[in-house]
Amino acid sequence: MAITSANQLELLQTAEAVAREKMIDPGLVVEAMEESLARAAKSRYGSEMDIRVSIDRKTGRATFTRVRTVVEDEELENYQAEMTVQQAKQYMADPQIGDTYVEEIPPVEMGRIAAQSAKQVILQKVREAERDRQYEEFQDRVGTIINGVVKREEYGNVIVDVGRGEAILRRNEKIGREAYRPNDRIRCYIKDVRRETRGPQIFLSRTDPQFMAELFKMEVPEIYDGIIEIKAVARDPGSRAKIGVISHDGSIDPVGACVGMRGSRVQAVVNELQGEKIDIIPWSEDMPTFLVNALQPAEVTKVVLDEEAERIEVVVPEEQLSLAIGRRGQNVRLASQLTGLDIDIMTEEEESARRQKEFEDRTKLFMDTLDLDEFFAQLLVSEGFTNLEEVAYVEIDELLVIDGVDEDTANELQARARDVLEAQAKAALDHAREMGAEDSLIEFDGLTPQMVEVLAEDGIKTLEDFATCADWELAGGWTTVDGERQKDDGLLEKFEVSLEEAQQLVMTARVLLGWVDPAELEPDEEEIEDGEEADGEEQAEG
């Protein structure tokens, strides 16, 4: 067909109809038509030509133009789409490099093959526009709940019709052994939306902890209004869950508001989650207090928090131990997820036995090293002394408060402790040198002889070796493997070197060796204003 003989308004009407059906911008459909007509014209006039088509948005008239660009003589490659300045002078008054000359050409006759090709281009463009619209629409809804209808099940994965597209609920995102049939209504949490070649993929979940949080937001107006805030959620999908809530209004009880009249609000969430038992816990900024609440219904006798190791020890009566741990460790596992801490649960008897062992070990240390009798060594431990360094370098007044210790006794104690420490340091230094530790490492400020000995035993014998260490290799740390936190022992961990101190030592070594410019370690003024600290190690490695 010839474009001139076609009803020109038909193009615009077709574009409007397609855009309305696919819910995309009509302009995108018209652009696709222009591209398809230009492709047909190229097949007629020559593929090397730069042919463009413009469709008038009001009349539907299609204008075909040929474009030629002015280039330098030596750059002329395509005679059909380019021309030199000299050649351009016959068309333009003062041609410059980069100028374009546009001339209108006759419309093309569209044969059957060209028309088919044009149709494919339009369909492809419309499909891409539809995918982009779908991606943008659902990307903004990540983290919300959506209602859909089950279409089919494929290998355990449920395909859900969510209105303007299809979403997938994977087998591992379903609660327990949920089974769905076609046309069942389903409520899910939009976990992720990704761009993929076959279109946007919408991933749903019913096991995500935030699904429960969003359900509470729908059922509890105070959460939706921001009066009550959900601070933490932990779930064992289909079995049990814990949720930490806090009220920003002193007159509103957060737990009572979430439970509702006769449990109506929480029951609605429980029903949606296939009977999952939910513990609603008042949130507290004080982590030990929050943990005591999180371990309910078990009663807790004592809590010891180690913030640096992100561990917390909980002491419970013997009869409460199984309740605190829960069936298959469920209660303590959920409490651990809720607080973000590793929890060690022990009975009062176990804790008492451990304290007794620590007391005996420290007493024996002082008896063996300071040549004290058992009674005097126990007095030291009872006063809180745990190692020789504390005895050797503490203010003398702290020793004088011990019953029966006068100034002469205190001085004698400190002298003995210092002599032992010096002997230990000399032995460690000699051993380190025997293993090949070099002076560059031995004389490095911040490392004790015992530390140098431990490093040398691990093959770190020079300052260069030390500078290549990572901070966690020295101070230790925690890694998560298969969802479980595991301890990584640090070489200097027993010397109570923190992660920050280890990082500082390593960076100082790198500066001394000239590997790092000290100026690079100073934070930007802007970062200081924003309250952010520059990460020296990342800058050095970068």
Protein backbone atom coordinates (compact mmCIF):
# COMPACT_ATOMS: atom_id res chain seq x y z
CA MET A 1 0.00 0.00 0.00
CA ALA A 2 1.10 3.59 -0.47
CA ILE A 3 1.14 5.72 2.61
CA THR A 4 -0.41 8.54 0.61
CA SER A 5 -3.43 6.51 -0.34
CA ALA A 6 -4.13 5.36 3.23
CA ASN A 7 -6.44 7.27 5.44
CA GLN A 8 -3.87 9.36 7.29
CA LEU A 9 -6.00 9.71 10.40
CA GLU A 10 -6.11 5.93 10.63
CA LEU A 11 -2.49 5.95 11.88
CA LEU A 12 -3.37 8.18 14.81
CA GLN A 13 -6.55 6.26 15.59
CA THR A 14 -4.65 2.97 15.59
CA ALA A 15 -1.96 4.46 17.86
CA GLU A 16 -4.61 5.74 20.29
CA ALA A 17 -6.38 2.37 20.38
CA VAL A 18 -3.18 0.40 20.99
CA ALA A 19 -2.01 2.85 23.67
CA ARG A 20 -5.34 2.70 25.44
CA GLU A 21 -5.42 -1.09 25.37
CA LYS A 22 -1.85 -1.49 26.64
CA MET A 23 -2.04 1.55 28.97
CA ILE A 24 1.04 3.25 27.53
CA ASP A 25 1.76 6.68 26.09
CA PRO A 26 0.27 7.12 22.54
CA GLY A 27 3.45 9.02 21.60
CA LEU A 28 5.47 5.80 22.04
CA VAL A 29 3.21 3.98 19.57
CA VAL A 30 3.54 6.82 17.02
CA GLU A 31 7.35 6.71 17.45
CA ALA A 32 7.27 2.97 16.76
CA MET A 33 5.25 3.62 13.60
CA GLU A 34 7.76 6.27 12.47
CA GLU A 35 10.62 3.82 12.99
CA SER A 36 8.83 1.06 11.07
CA LEU A 37 8.08 3.39 8.12
CA ALA A 38 11.70 4.57 8.10
CA ARG A 39 12.87 0.96 7.98
CA ALA A 40 10.56 0.27 5.03
CA ALA A 41 11.88 3.38 3.23
CA LYS A 42 15.48 2.24 3.76
CA SER A 43 14.73 -1.11 2.16
CA ARG A 44 13.37 0.83 -0.85
CA TYR A 45 15.98 3.61 -1.21
CA GLY A 46 19.04 1.92 0.29
CA SER A 47 20.03 0.84 3.80
CA GLU A 48 23.01 3.24 3.90
CA MET A 49 20.79 6.29 3.70
CA ASP A 50 19.79 8.16 6.86
CA ILE A 51 16.03 8.27 6.31
CA ARG A 52 13.67 9.59 8.96
CA VAL A 53 9.91 9.69 9.13
CA SER A 54 7.81 12.19 11.04
CA ILE A 55 4.07 11.68 11.59
CA ASP A 56 2.09 14.83 12.30
CA ARG A 57 0.36 14.30 15.67
CA LYS A 58 -2.78 16.19 14.48
CA THR A 59 -3.31 15.28 10.83
CA GLY A 60 -1.56 11.91 10.71
CA ARG A 61 0.45 12.96 7.61
CA ALA A 62 3.75 11.09 7.31
CA THR A 63 6.75 13.09 6.05
CA PHE A 64 9.77 11.17 4.71
CA THR A 65 13.13 13.01 4.84
CA ARG A 66 16.70 12.15 3.95
CA VAL A 67 19.41 13.55 6.24
CA ARG A 68 23.04 14.14 5.28
CA THR A 69 25.71 15.29 7.71
CA VAL A 70 28.69 17.54 6.85
CA VAL A 71 32.01 15.88 7.82
CA GLU A 72 35.73 16.50 7.19
CA ASP A 73 37.17 15.17 3.93
CA GLU A 74 39.22 12.40 5.52
CA GLU A 75 36.27 11.20 7.63
CA LEU A 76 33.90 10.72 4.70
CA GLU A 77 32.88 7.03 4.66
CA ASN A 78 29.19 6.84 3.84
CA TYR A 79 28.44 8.82 0.66
CA GLN A 80 24.70 8.32 1.13
CA ALA A 81 24.49 9.89 4.62
CA GLU A 82 27.55 12.17 4.70
CA MET A 83 29.17 14.84 2.53
CA THR A 84 32.19 17.12 2.63
CA VAL A 85 32.09 20.88 3.13
CA GLN A 86 32.81 21.35 -0.61
CA GLN A 87 29.91 19.09 -1.61
CA ALA A 88 27.59 20.81 0.85
CA LYS A 89 28.15 24.25 -0.71
CA GLN A 90 25.76 23.42 -3.56
CA TYR A 91 22.96 22.94 -1.00
CA MET A 92 23.90 25.33 1.83
CA ALA A 93 25.25 28.89 1.93
CA ASP A 94 27.91 28.47 4.67
CA PRO A 95 28.25 24.80 5.60
CA GLN A 96 30.12 23.89 8.83
CA ILE A 97 31.36 20.52 10.13
CA GLY A 98 28.44 18.84 11.90
CA ASP A 99 25.69 20.66 9.99
CA THR A 100 22.92 18.55 8.51
CA TYR A 101 21.08 18.95 5.22
CA VAL A 102 17.48 17.67 5.25
CA GLU A 103 15.49 17.07 2.07
CA GLU A 104 12.03 15.61 1.68
CA ILE A 105 11.71 12.45 -0.41
CA PRO A 106 8.64 10.77 -1.91
CA PRO A 107 6.68 8.36 0.32
CA VAL A 108 7.33 4.69 -0.31
CA GLU A 109 5.01 2.00 -1.55
CA MET A 110 4.74 -0.56 1.26
CA GLY A 111 4.76 -4.11 -0.05
CA ARG A 112 3.51 -7.11 1.90
CA ILE A 113 6.97 -7.94 3.33
CA ALA A 114 7.66 -4.32 4.32
CA ALA A 115 4.24 -4.07 5.97
CA GLN A 116 4.92 -7.29 7.92
CA SER A 117 8.31 -5.93 9.04
CA ALA A 118 6.69 -2.66 10.10
CA LYS A 119 4.13 -4.58 12.14
CA GLN A 120 6.90 -6.48 13.95
CA VAL A 121 8.73 -3.24 14.82
CA ILE A 122 5.55 -1.69 16.21
CA LEU A 123 4.71 -4.79 18.26
CA GLN A 124 8.24 -4.94 19.67
CA LYS A 125 8.22 -1.26 20.65
CA VAL A 126 4.79 -1.55 22.24
CA ARG A 127 5.89 -4.63 24.17
CA GLU A 128 9.00 -2.84 25.50
CA ALA A 129 6.94 0.19 26.51
CA GLU A 130 4.45 -2.08 28.26
CA ARG A 131 7.27 -3.82 30.16
CA ASP A 132 8.76 -0.49 31.25
CA ARG A 133 5.37 0.71 32.48
CA GLN A 134 4.82 -2.53 34.37
CA TYR A 135 8.30 -2.38 35.94
CA GLU A 136 7.89 1.24 37.05
CA GLU A 137 4.45 0.54 38.48
CA PHE A 138 5.45 -2.47 40.56
CA GLN A 139 8.89 -1.15 41.52
CA ASP A 140 7.14 1.59 43.48
CA ARG A 141 5.07 -1.04 45.29
CA VAL A 142 7.95 -3.17 46.61
CA GLY A 143 7.44 -3.62 50.35
CA THR A 144 3.65 -3.52 50.18
CA ILE A 145 0.90 -6.14 50.18
CA ILE A 146 -0.95 -7.01 47.00
CA ASN A 147 -4.09 -9.07 46.36
CA GLY A 148 -4.09 -11.43 43.40
CA VAL A 149 -5.72 -14.47 41.85
CA VAL A 150 -3.92 -17.81 41.44
CA LYS A 151 -3.53 -18.68 37.73
CA ARG A 152 -1.58 -21.93 37.89
CA GLU A 153 1.11 -23.84 39.75
CA GLU A 154 4.45 -24.76 38.16
CA TYR A 155 6.85 -27.10 39.99
CA GLY A 156 5.59 -25.88 43.36
CA ASN A 157 5.80 -22.20 42.39
CA VAL A 158 2.49 -20.33 42.24
CA ILE A 159 1.86 -17.94 39.32
CA VAL A 160 -0.38 -15.09 40.50
CA ASP A 161 -2.39 -12.67 38.37
CA VAL A 162 -1.87 -9.24 39.96
CA GLY A 163 -3.95 -7.21 37.54
CA ARG A 164 -1.52 -5.70 35.05
CA GLY A 165 0.92 -8.56 35.05
CA GLU A 166 1.92 -11.90 36.49
CA ALA A 167 3.90 -12.47 39.67
CA ILE A 168 5.56 -15.56 41.10
CA LEU A 169 5.29 -16.97 44.63
CA ARG A 170 8.19 -19.38 44.95
CA ARG A 171 7.85 -22.67 46.78
CA ASN A 172 10.16 -21.54 49.63
CA GLU A 173 8.15 -18.32 50.09
CA LYS A 174 4.93 -20.18 50.92
CA ILE A 175 3.85 -20.81 54.51
CA GLY A 176 4.20 -24.46 55.53
CA ARG A 177 2.40 -26.74 53.12
CA GLU A 178 0.00 -24.20 51.65
CA ALA A 179 -1.75 -25.43 48.51
CA TYR A 180 -3.58 -23.23 46.04
CA ARG A 181 -5.95 -23.97 43.19
CA PRO A 182 -6.62 -21.83 40.10
CA ASN A 183 -8.86 -18.80 40.80
CA ASP A 184 -8.11 -18.85 44.56
CA ARG A 185 -7.66 -15.34 45.95
CA ILE A 186 -4.27 -14.79 47.58
CA ARG A 187 -2.64 -12.00 49.56
CA CYS A 188 1.16 -11.61 49.31
CA TYR A 189 4.03 -9.25 50.06
CA ILE A 190 5.91 -7.80 47.06
CA LYS A 191 9.49 -8.71 47.92
CA ASP A 192 11.36 -7.75 44.76
CA VAL A 193 10.87 -6.57 41.18
CA ARG A 194 13.64 -7.18 38.64
CA ARG A 195 14.14 -6.29 34.99
CA GLU A 196 14.70 -9.39 32.92
CA THR A 197 14.83 -10.05 29.18
CA ARG A 198 11.39 -11.60 29.12
CA GLY A 199 9.93 -8.66 31.05
CA PRO A 200 9.79 -7.56 34.66
CA GLN A 201 9.71 -10.40 37.17
CA ILE A 202 7.63 -9.74 40.31
CA PHE A 203 8.61 -11.91 43.27
CA LEU A 204 6.09 -12.41 46.05
CA SER A 205 6.47 -13.76 49.57
CA ARG A 206 4.28 -14.94 52.43
CA THR A 207 7.17 -15.94 54.73
CA ASP A 208 8.99 -12.59 54.84
CA PRO A 209 8.89 -10.99 58.33
CA GLN A 210 7.78 -7.72 56.75
CA PHE A 211 4.63 -9.44 55.42
CA MET A 212 3.45 -9.78 59.00
CA ALA A 213 4.45 -6.18 59.76
CA GLU A 214 2.39 -4.95 56.79
CA LEU A 215 -0.60 -7.06 57.89
CA PHE A 216 -0.47 -5.41 61.31
CA LYS A 217 -0.30 -2.02 59.59
CA MET A 218 -3.55 -2.86 57.78
CA GLU A 219 -5.29 -4.14 60.93
CA VAL A 220 -4.03 -1.58 63.48
CA PRO A 221 -4.83 2.07 62.59
CA GLU A 222 -2.34 3.34 65.19
CA ILE A 223 0.52 1.64 63.31
CA TYR A 224 -0.68 3.05 59.99
CA ASP A 225 -0.86 6.55 61.56
CA GLY A 226 2.66 6.21 63.02
CA ILE A 227 1.54 6.41 66.67
CA ILE A 228 2.78 2.86 67.21
CA GLU A 229 5.97 1.70 65.48
CA ILE A 230 7.03 -1.84 64.68
CA LYS A 231 10.72 -1.96 65.64
CA ALA A 232 11.57 -5.61 64.97
CA VAL A 233 9.96 -8.75 63.56
CA ALA A 234 11.12 -12.39 63.71
CA ARG A 235 9.22 -15.32 62.21
CA ASP A 236 9.27 -19.06 62.02
CA PRO A 237 6.69 -19.10 59.17
CA GLY A 238 3.52 -21.02 59.91
CA SER A 239 4.59 -21.81 63.48
CA ARG A 240 5.53 -18.86 65.69
CA ALA A 241 6.50 -15.20 65.46
CA LYS A 242 7.63 -12.35 67.69
CA ILE A 243 7.07 -8.66 67.00
CA GLY A 244 8.54 -5.73 68.99
CA VAL A 245 6.36 -2.58 69.16
CA ILE A 246 6.73 0.83 70.78
CA SER A 247 4.18 3.61 71.31
CA HIS A 248 5.07 7.27 70.67
CA ASP A 249 2.01 8.30 72.68
CA GLY A 250 2.24 7.59 76.42
CA SER A 251 -1.50 7.14 76.72
CA ILE A 252 -1.63 4.24 74.23
CA ASP A 253 -0.52 0.73 75.17
CA PRO A 254 1.27 -0.68 72.06
CA VAL A 255 0.65 -4.33 72.96
CA GLY A 256 -3.04 -3.78 73.75
CA ALA A 257 -3.59 -1.82 70.54
CA CYS A 258 -2.07 -4.61 68.44
CA VAL A 259 -4.09 -7.31 70.24
CA GLY A 260 -7.37 -5.41 69.84
CA MET A 261 -10.73 -5.92 71.52
CA ARG A 262 -10.89 -9.59 72.57
CA GLY A 263 -7.89 -10.26 70.31
CA SER A 264 -9.74 -9.29 67.13
CA ARG A 265 -6.83 -7.47 65.48
CA VAL A 266 -4.12 -10.03 66.13
CA GLN A 267 -6.55 -12.85 65.28
CA ALA A 268 -7.09 -11.39 61.80
CA VAL A 269 -3.32 -11.53 61.22
CA VAL A 270 -3.07 -15.05 62.70
CA ASN A 271 -5.81 -16.29 60.36
CA GLU A 272 -4.02 -14.86 57.32
CA LEU A 273 -0.78 -16.56 58.44
CA GLN A 274 -2.34 -20.02 58.73
CA GLY A 275 -2.60 -19.99 62.53
CA GLU A 276 0.94 -18.71 63.24
CA LYS A 277 1.23 -17.93 66.98
CA ILE A 278 2.33 -14.31 67.52
CA ASP A 279 4.04 -12.89 70.63
CA ILE A 280 3.65 -9.09 70.79
CA ILE A 281 6.49 -7.61 72.86
CA PRO A 282 6.99 -4.03 74.14
CA TRP A 283 10.18 -2.62 72.64
CA SER A 284 12.87 -1.12 74.88
CA GLU A 285 16.03 0.81 73.97
CA ASP A 286 17.73 -1.08 76.80
CA MET A 287 18.68 -4.32 75.06
CA PRO A 288 18.77 -6.56 78.19
CA THR A 289 15.27 -5.35 79.17
CA PHE A 290 13.99 -5.97 75.64
CA LEU A 291 15.54 -9.45 75.64
CA VAL A 292 13.86 -10.34 78.93
CA ASN A 293 10.54 -9.34 77.31
CA ALA A 294 11.40 -11.24 74.11
CA LEU A 295 12.06 -14.49 75.97
CA GLN A 296 8.58 -14.52 77.48
CA PRO A 297 6.90 -16.61 78.77
CA ALA A 298 10.18 -17.77 80.37
CA GLU A 299 11.38 -15.92 83.51
CA VAL A 300 14.92 -14.54 83.41
CA THR A 301 17.09 -14.23 86.55
CA LYS A 302 20.05 -12.32 85.14
CA VAL A 303 21.33 -10.86 81.84
CA VAL A 304 24.97 -10.08 80.90
CA LEU A 305 25.49 -8.13 77.65
CA ASP A 306 28.74 -8.14 75.65
CA GLU A 307 28.10 -5.38 73.09
CA GLU A 308 31.41 -5.75 71.25
CA ALA A 309 30.89 -9.46 70.54
CA GLU A 310 27.15 -8.91 70.03
CA ARG A 311 26.47 -11.67 72.49
CA ILE A 312 24.21 -11.79 75.53
CA GLU A 313 24.20 -14.32 78.36
CA VAL A 314 20.88 -15.13 79.99
CA VAL A 315 20.57 -16.94 83.29
CA VAL A 316 17.27 -18.72 84.04
CA PRO A 317 16.08 -21.04 86.83
CA GLU A 318 16.48 -24.75 86.09
CA GLU A 319 12.73 -25.31 85.70
CA GLN A 320 12.51 -22.43 83.17
CA LEU A 321 15.30 -23.66 80.88
CA SER A 322 13.18 -25.73 78.46
CA LEU A 323 10.58 -22.92 78.29
CA ALA A 324 13.25 -20.31 77.48
CA ILE A 325 14.81 -22.46 74.77
CA GLY A 326 11.46 -23.52 73.31
CA ARG A 327 10.62 -26.50 71.13
CA ARG A 328 13.63 -27.26 68.90
CA GLY A 329 15.20 -23.99 70.12
CA GLN A 330 12.43 -21.90 68.55
CA ASN A 331 11.89 -19.41 71.38
CA VAL A 332 15.55 -18.48 71.82
CA ARG A 333 16.13 -18.45 68.04
CA LEU A 334 13.30 -15.96 67.46
CA ALA A 335 14.48 -13.81 70.38
CA SER A 336 17.98 -13.82 68.85
CA GLN A 337 16.61 -12.70 65.46
CA LEU A 338 14.53 -10.02 67.15
CA THR A 339 17.43 -8.51 69.10
CA GLY A 340 20.19 -9.19 66.56
CA LEU A 341 22.32 -10.74 69.31
CA ASP A 342 23.67 -14.24 69.90
CA ILE A 343 22.04 -15.59 73.05
CA ASP A 344 23.65 -18.04 75.46
CA ILE A 345 21.12 -19.51 77.88
CA MET A 346 22.34 -21.18 81.06
CA THR A 347 20.79 -22.25 84.32
CA GLU A 348 21.62 -20.66 87.66
CA GLU A 349 23.60 -23.79 88.58
CA GLU A 350 25.68 -23.64 85.37
CA GLU A 351 26.37 -19.95 85.85
CA SER A 352 27.37 -20.52 89.47
CA ALA A 353 29.73 -23.35 88.43
CA ARG A 354 31.32 -21.17 85.74
CA ARG A 355 31.86 -18.30 88.18
CA GLN A 356 33.39 -20.69 90.70
CA LYS A 357 35.80 -22.01 88.05
CA GLU A 358 36.83 -18.47 87.07
CA PHE A 359 37.43 -17.67 90.75
CA GLU A 360 39.57 -20.77 91.20
CA ASP A 361 41.57 -20.14 88.00
CA ARG A 362 42.38 -16.54 89.02
CA THR A 363 43.24 -17.60 92.57
CA LYS A 364 45.65 -20.23 91.21
CA LEU A 365 47.20 -17.64 88.86
CA PHE A 366 48.03 -15.30 91.75
CA MET A 367 49.25 -18.17 93.97
CA ASP A 368 51.59 -19.54 91.29
CA THR A 369 52.99 -16.26 89.94
CA LEU A 370 53.09 -14.02 93.05
CA ASP A 371 53.95 -16.75 95.57
CA LEU A 372 50.88 -16.01 97.71
CA ASP A 373 48.93 -18.28 100.01
CA GLU A 374 45.41 -19.30 98.98
CA PHE A 375 43.64 -16.94 101.39
CA PHE A 376 45.53 -13.85 100.19
CA ALA A 377 45.06 -14.81 96.51
CA GLN A 378 41.30 -15.20 97.11
CA LEU A 379 41.22 -11.74 98.69
CA LEU A 380 42.71 -10.26 95.51
CA VAL A 381 40.18 -12.03 93.28
CA SER A 382 37.30 -10.99 95.56
CA GLU A 383 38.35 -7.35 95.16
CA GLY A 384 37.98 -7.69 91.38
CA PHE A 385 41.61 -8.25 90.29
CA THR A 386 41.67 -10.57 87.28
CA ASN A 387 45.27 -10.49 85.98
CA LEU A 388 48.86 -9.54 86.82
CA GLU A 389 48.75 -6.26 84.85
CA GLU A 390 46.00 -4.95 87.13
CA VAL A 391 48.02 -5.78 90.24
CA ALA A 392 51.27 -4.35 88.83
CA TYR A 393 50.04 -1.03 87.52
CA VAL A 394 46.93 -0.18 89.57
CA GLU A 395 47.01 2.85 91.89
CA ILE A 396 48.42 1.71 95.23
CA ASP A 397 45.35 3.03 97.05
CA GLU A 398 43.25 0.30 95.43
CA LEU A 399 45.45 -2.34 97.06
CA LEU A 400 45.36 -0.65 100.46
CA VAL A 401 41.58 -1.14 100.74
CA ILE A 402 42.14 -4.92 101.04
CA ASP A 403 42.02 -6.11 104.65
CA GLY A 404 45.48 -6.70 106.07
CA VAL A 405 47.37 -4.93 103.24
CA ASP A 406 49.62 -2.04 104.29
CA GLU A 407 51.82 0.14 102.10
CA ASP A 408 54.87 -2.14 102.33
CA THR A 409 52.78 -5.21 101.40
CA ALA A 410 51.20 -3.34 98.48
CA ASN A 411 54.61 -2.25 97.15
CA GLU A 412 55.95 -5.79 97.51
CA LEU A 413 52.92 -7.15 95.61
CA GLN A 414 53.40 -4.70 92.76
CA ALA A 415 57.15 -5.37 92.59
CA ARG A 416 56.57 -9.14 92.36
CA ALA A 417 53.89 -8.66 89.66
CA ARG A 418 56.16 -6.39 87.60
CA ASP A 419 59.09 -8.82 87.89
CA VAL A 420 56.88 -11.68 86.64
CA LEU A 421 55.55 -9.57 83.77
CA GLU A 422 59.09 -8.52 82.75
CA ALA A 423 60.28 -12.13 82.83
CA GLN A 424 57.29 -13.23 80.74
CA ALA A 425 57.93 -10.41 78.25
CA LYS A 426 61.63 -11.33 77.94
CA ALA A 427 60.81 -15.02 77.40
CA ALA A 428 58.19 -14.14 74.76
CA LEU A 429 60.65 -11.80 72.99
CA ASP A 430 63.41 -14.41 72.96
CA HIS A 431 61.02 -17.02 71.57
CA ALA A 432 59.77 -14.59 68.90
CA ARG A 433 63.35 -13.85 67.77
CA GLU A 434 64.10 -17.59 67.63
CA MET A 435 61.14 -17.98 65.25
CA GLY A 436 62.48 -15.20 63.01
CA ALA A 437 60.59 -12.11 64.16
CA GLU A 438 62.43 -9.03 62.86
CA ASP A 439 63.14 -5.76 64.69
CA SER A 440 60.71 -3.86 62.45
CA LEU A 441 57.86 -5.85 64.04
CA ILE A 442 59.33 -6.10 67.56
CA GLU A 443 59.88 -2.34 67.83
CA PHE A 444 56.49 -1.42 66.37
CA ASP A 445 54.63 0.69 68.93
CA GLY A 446 51.40 -0.93 70.09
CA LEU A 447 52.52 -4.58 70.07
CA THR A 448 53.63 -6.25 73.31
CA PRO A 449 56.30 -9.00 73.26
CA GLN A 450 53.56 -11.59 73.86
CA MET A 451 51.64 -10.26 70.84
CA VAL A 452 54.79 -10.40 68.68
CA GLU A 453 55.32 -14.02 69.84
CA VAL A 454 51.77 -15.02 68.80
CA LEU A 455 52.16 -13.26 65.43
CA ALA A 456 55.51 -14.95 64.77
CA GLU A 457 53.98 -18.35 65.56
CA ASP A 458 51.44 -17.64 62.81
CA GLY A 459 54.16 -16.69 60.30
CA ILE A 460 53.84 -12.89 60.66
CA LYS A 461 57.48 -11.91 61.23
CA THR A 462 57.97 -8.49 59.64
CA LEU A 463 56.15 -5.16 59.66
CA GLU A 464 55.27 -5.80 55.99
CA ASP A 465 53.58 -9.08 56.98
CA PHE A 466 51.66 -7.27 59.71
CA ALA A 467 50.53 -4.48 57.38
CA THR A 468 48.84 -6.99 55.05
CA CYS A 469 46.62 -8.33 57.88
CA ALA A 470 42.92 -7.52 58.01
CA ASP A 471 41.56 -6.05 61.23
CA TRP A 472 39.24 -9.03 61.81
CA GLU A 473 42.19 -11.44 61.47
CA LEU A 474 43.75 -9.76 64.51
CA ALA A 475 40.68 -8.90 66.63
CA GLY A 476 38.36 -11.71 65.55
CA GLY A 477 34.77 -11.30 64.48
CA TRP A 478 31.53 -12.96 63.50
CA THR A 479 30.40 -14.22 60.12
CA THR A 480 27.02 -15.56 59.05
CA VAL A 481 27.12 -18.95 57.31
CA ASP A 482 23.84 -20.51 56.15
CA GLY A 483 21.92 -18.12 58.37
CA GLU A 484 23.97 -18.98 61.49
CA ARG A 485 26.54 -16.69 63.08
CA GLN A 486 29.96 -18.29 63.52
CA LYS A 487 32.93 -17.05 65.53
CA ASP A 488 36.24 -16.22 63.80
CA ASP A 489 39.08 -16.26 66.34
CA GLY A 490 41.53 -13.36 66.08
CA LEU A 491 45.29 -13.74 66.60
CA LEU A 492 45.34 -10.95 69.20
CA GLU A 493 41.85 -11.52 70.57
CA LYS A 494 43.07 -12.97 73.87
CA PHE A 495 44.90 -9.67 74.47
CA GLU A 496 41.51 -7.91 74.26
CA VAL A 497 42.42 -5.95 71.12
CA SER A 498 39.21 -4.42 69.71
CA LEU A 499 38.36 -4.22 66.00
CA GLU A 500 38.97 -0.44 66.01
CA GLU A 501 42.36 -0.85 67.74
CA ALA A 502 43.37 -3.57 65.26
CA GLN A 503 42.39 -1.35 62.35
CA GLN A 504 44.40 1.54 63.81
CA LEU A 505 47.50 -0.66 64.27
CA VAL A 506 47.35 -1.99 60.70
CA MET A 507 46.84 1.50 59.21
CA THR A 508 49.74 2.90 61.28
CA ALA A 509 51.98 0.10 59.93
CA ARG A 510 50.91 0.91 56.35
CA VAL A 511 51.67 4.61 56.87
CA LEU A 512 55.14 3.81 58.31
CA LEU A 513 55.89 1.63 55.28
CA GLY A 514 54.77 4.39 52.90
CA TRP A 515 51.91 2.32 51.47
CA VAL A 516 49.35 4.91 52.49
CA ASP A 517 49.45 8.71 52.43
CA PRO A 518 48.39 9.96 55.91
CA ALA A 519 46.38 12.73 54.21
CA GLU A 520 44.13 10.10 52.64
CA LEU A 521 43.12 8.88 56.08
CA GLU A 522 41.68 12.25 57.16
CA PRO A 523 37.93 12.60 56.55
CA ASP A 524 36.54 15.21 54.16
CA GLU A 525 35.10 18.37 55.69
CA GLU A 526 31.77 17.51 54.06
CA GLU A 527 31.85 14.05 55.63
CA ILE A 528 32.57 15.59 59.02
CA GLU A 529 29.61 17.91 58.55
CA ASP A 530 27.41 14.94 57.66
CA GLY A 531 28.66 13.11 60.74
CA GLU A 532 30.29 10.38 58.68
CA GLU A 533 33.76 9.00 59.32
CA ALA A 534 36.11 8.24 56.47
CA ASP A 535 36.96 4.56 56.21
CA GLY A 536 40.74 4.66 56.04
CA GLU A 537 41.17 1.01 55.15
CA GLU A 538 38.81 1.18 52.18
CA GLN A 539 40.62 4.29 50.90
CA ALA A 540 43.98 2.57 51.27
CA GLU A 541 42.87 -0.57 49.47
CA GLY A 542 41.08 1.50 46.81
